[in-house]
């Protein structure tokens, strides 16, 4: 395939996703990914498309790939965001608490000592749910405080993936 054709397949996948045609977007992304055409910037969209098309296994695998690429690139905020996404999908769709806690711990380590970021806010949201679903309401309370201040003070109203997509690890 030529570069122009390669870009067309990935662009068609993005276009289908923007229309909400999850099945077509998923098939196009998977075809492009099999040919090695899906880049790091495409992974958040592929993860969301896979989830919307009902492919949880692919969703988790894609966010794990995004995490690994971001760690390798040294982008700790984006890596933490990807780790939170893995944890979120595991929590809400499988309730497998041990891997959820492992992914949240990875995110926490990556975000230690950093400033307020969208990844911190989403970590707080998912950790709060993890604690609540474990029956630890008092353990959930500390997570609802300071880490969400970024989200409260932000004038931007974006989808969670918007912040992760801009990192491009």
Protein backbone atom coordinates (compact mmCIF):
# COMPACT_ATOMS: atom_id res chain seq x y z
CA UNK A 1 0.00 0.00 0.00
CA UNK A 2 1.10 3.53 -0.59
CA UNK A 3 1.20 6.17 2.13
CA UNK A 4 -1.83 7.90 0.60
CA UNK A 5 -3.84 4.67 0.65
CA UNK A 6 -2.63 3.90 4.19
CA UNK A 7 -3.76 7.30 5.42
CA UNK A 8 -7.08 6.82 3.68
CA UNK A 9 -7.87 3.61 5.57
CA UNK A 10 -7.07 5.17 8.94
CA UNK A 11 -8.89 8.38 7.99
CA UNK A 12 -11.94 6.38 6.91
CA UNK A 13 -11.88 4.67 10.31
CA UNK A 14 -11.77 8.06 12.05
CA UNK A 15 -14.55 9.35 9.83
CA UNK A 16 -16.75 6.34 10.62
CA UNK A 17 -16.06 6.85 14.34
CA UNK A 18 -17.00 10.52 14.13
CA UNK A 19 -20.33 9.48 12.55
CA UNK A 20 -20.93 6.93 15.30
CA UNK A 21 -20.73 4.04 12.86
CA UNK A 22 -18.93 1.87 15.41
CA UNK A 23 -19.06 -1.38 13.46
CA UNK A 24 -17.53 0.12 10.32
CA UNK A 25 -14.98 2.10 12.31
CA UNK A 26 -13.96 -1.02 14.22
CA UNK A 27 -13.52 -3.09 11.05
CA UNK A 28 -11.50 -0.34 9.36
CA UNK A 29 -9.29 0.20 12.41
CA UNK A 30 -8.69 -3.53 12.83
CA UNK A 31 -7.75 -3.85 9.17
CA UNK A 32 -5.41 -0.87 9.44
CA UNK A 33 -3.94 -2.20 12.68
CA UNK A 34 -3.27 -5.61 11.13
CA UNK A 35 -1.29 -3.79 8.43
CA UNK A 36 0.65 -1.80 11.02
CA UNK A 37 -0.99 1.49 10.07
CA UNK A 38 -2.51 2.46 13.42
CA UNK A 39 -0.21 4.89 15.16
CA UNK A 40 -0.01 5.90 18.82
CA UNK A 41 -2.29 8.89 18.22
CA UNK A 42 -4.98 6.54 16.87
CA UNK A 43 -5.03 4.18 19.86
CA UNK A 44 -7.40 6.19 22.09
CA UNK A 45 -9.93 6.37 19.27
CA UNK A 46 -9.51 2.67 18.49
CA UNK A 47 -10.02 1.87 22.19
CA UNK A 48 -13.24 3.85 22.29
CA UNK A 49 -14.45 2.42 18.98
CA UNK A 50 -13.74 -1.14 20.12
CA UNK A 51 -15.73 -0.53 23.30
CA UNK A 52 -18.65 1.04 21.46
CA UNK A 53 -18.65 -1.88 19.00
CA UNK A 54 -18.80 -4.37 21.89
CA UNK A 55 -15.21 -5.65 21.87
CA UNK A 56 -14.08 -5.31 25.49
CA UNK A 57 -11.06 -7.56 24.97
CA UNK A 58 -9.77 -5.33 22.17
CA UNK A 59 -10.56 -2.22 24.21
CA UNK A 60 -8.40 -3.38 27.10
CA UNK A 61 -5.60 -4.59 24.82
CA UNK A 62 -5.51 -1.25 22.99
CA UNK A 63 -5.35 0.78 26.23
CA UNK A 64 -2.59 -1.54 27.48
CA UNK A 65 -0.68 -0.84 24.25
CA UNK A 66 -1.23 2.89 24.69
CA UNK A 67 0.07 2.62 28.25
CA UNK A 68 3.23 0.79 27.15
CA UNK A 69 3.94 3.26 24.34
CA UNK A 70 3.42 6.25 26.62
CA UNK A 71 5.71 4.77 29.29
CA UNK A 72 8.33 4.12 26.62
CA UNK A 73 7.98 7.71 25.36
CA UNK A 74 8.29 9.08 28.90
CA UNK A 75 4.82 10.66 28.85
CA UNK A 76 3.75 9.85 32.40
CA UNK A 77 0.46 11.77 32.30
CA UNK A 78 -0.72 9.97 29.18
CA UNK A 79 0.53 6.62 30.51
CA UNK A 80 -1.37 7.21 33.75
CA UNK A 81 -4.47 8.13 31.76
CA UNK A 82 -4.22 4.92 29.76
CA UNK A 83 -3.73 2.91 32.98
CA UNK A 84 -6.86 4.51 34.42
CA UNK A 85 -8.78 3.56 31.28
CA UNK A 86 -7.72 -0.08 31.63
CA UNK A 87 -8.77 0.00 35.29
CA UNK A 88 -12.08 1.67 34.47
CA UNK A 89 -13.05 -0.91 31.87
CA UNK A 90 -11.98 -3.78 34.10
CA UNK A 91 -13.92 -2.32 37.02
CA UNK A 92 -17.17 -1.59 35.24
CA UNK A 93 -17.20 -4.49 32.82
CA UNK A 94 -15.57 -7.35 34.73
CA UNK A 95 -15.42 -6.34 38.43
CA UNK A 96 -12.04 -8.11 38.63
CA UNK A 97 -10.75 -6.07 41.54
CA UNK A 98 -7.16 -7.33 41.72
CA UNK A 99 -6.23 -6.17 38.20
CA UNK A 100 -8.24 -2.97 38.71
CA UNK A 101 -6.18 -2.17 41.80
CA UNK A 102 -2.96 -3.03 39.97
CA UNK A 103 -3.71 -0.63 37.13
CA UNK A 104 -4.79 2.11 39.54
CA UNK A 105 -1.55 1.65 41.50
CA UNK A 106 0.42 2.08 38.26
CA UNK A 107 -1.43 5.31 37.55
CA UNK A 108 -0.85 6.57 41.09
CA UNK A 109 2.90 5.89 40.86
CA UNK A 110 3.11 7.73 37.55
CA UNK A 111 1.23 10.74 38.89
CA UNK A 112 3.06 11.04 42.24
CA UNK A 113 4.36 14.52 42.82
CA UNK A 114 2.81 15.90 39.65
CA UNK A 115 0.36 18.73 39.36
CA UNK A 116 -3.33 18.59 38.73
CA UNK A 117 -4.08 16.90 35.44
CA UNK A 118 -7.06 15.26 33.77
CA UNK A 119 -5.43 11.89 34.55
CA UNK A 120 -5.49 12.78 38.27
CA UNK A 121 -9.17 13.66 38.06
CA UNK A 122 -10.05 10.41 36.28
CA UNK A 123 -7.91 8.43 38.70
CA UNK A 124 -9.94 9.93 41.53
CA UNK A 125 -13.22 9.04 39.84
CA UNK A 126 -12.26 5.43 39.15
CA UNK A 127 -10.61 4.98 42.59
CA UNK A 128 -13.76 6.36 44.23
CA UNK A 129 -15.90 3.80 42.41
CA UNK A 130 -13.41 1.02 43.19
CA UNK A 131 -13.59 1.86 46.91
CA UNK A 132 -17.38 2.20 46.87
CA UNK A 133 -17.88 -1.09 45.03
CA UNK A 134 -15.58 -2.73 47.57
CA UNK A 135 -17.84 -1.49 50.37
CA UNK A 136 -15.24 0.99 51.67
CA UNK A 137 -17.21 4.24 51.72
CA UNK A 138 -14.83 5.93 54.14
CA UNK A 139 -11.94 4.97 51.83
CA UNK A 140 -13.76 6.58 48.90
CA UNK A 141 -14.14 9.99 50.54
CA UNK A 142 -10.51 11.17 50.27
CA UNK A 143 -10.57 10.52 46.53
CA UNK A 144 -13.50 12.86 45.98
CA UNK A 145 -11.56 15.92 47.18
CA UNK A 146 -8.50 17.63 45.76
CA UNK A 147 -7.82 15.51 42.72
CA UNK A 148 -11.09 16.56 41.18
CA UNK A 149 -10.33 20.27 41.49
CA UNK A 150 -8.89 20.30 37.96
CA UNK A 151 -12.20 19.10 36.60
CA UNK A 152 -14.18 21.56 38.71
CA UNK A 153 -12.04 24.54 37.75
CA UNK A 154 -11.72 23.68 34.08
CA UNK A 155 -13.72 25.76 31.69
CA UNK A 156 -13.22 23.09 29.05
CA UNK A 157 -15.89 20.50 28.68
CA UNK A 158 -14.25 17.64 26.85
CA UNK A 159 -14.63 13.92 26.74
CA UNK A 160 -12.04 12.10 28.89
CA UNK A 161 -10.25 10.77 25.85
CA UNK A 162 -9.70 14.26 24.41
CA UNK A 163 -6.96 14.91 26.95
CA UNK A 164 -5.32 11.54 26.34
CA UNK A 165 -5.52 11.84 22.58
CA UNK A 166 -3.59 15.11 22.50
CA UNK A 167 -0.53 13.53 24.12
CA UNK A 168 0.36 11.37 21.14
CA UNK A 169 2.86 9.06 22.81
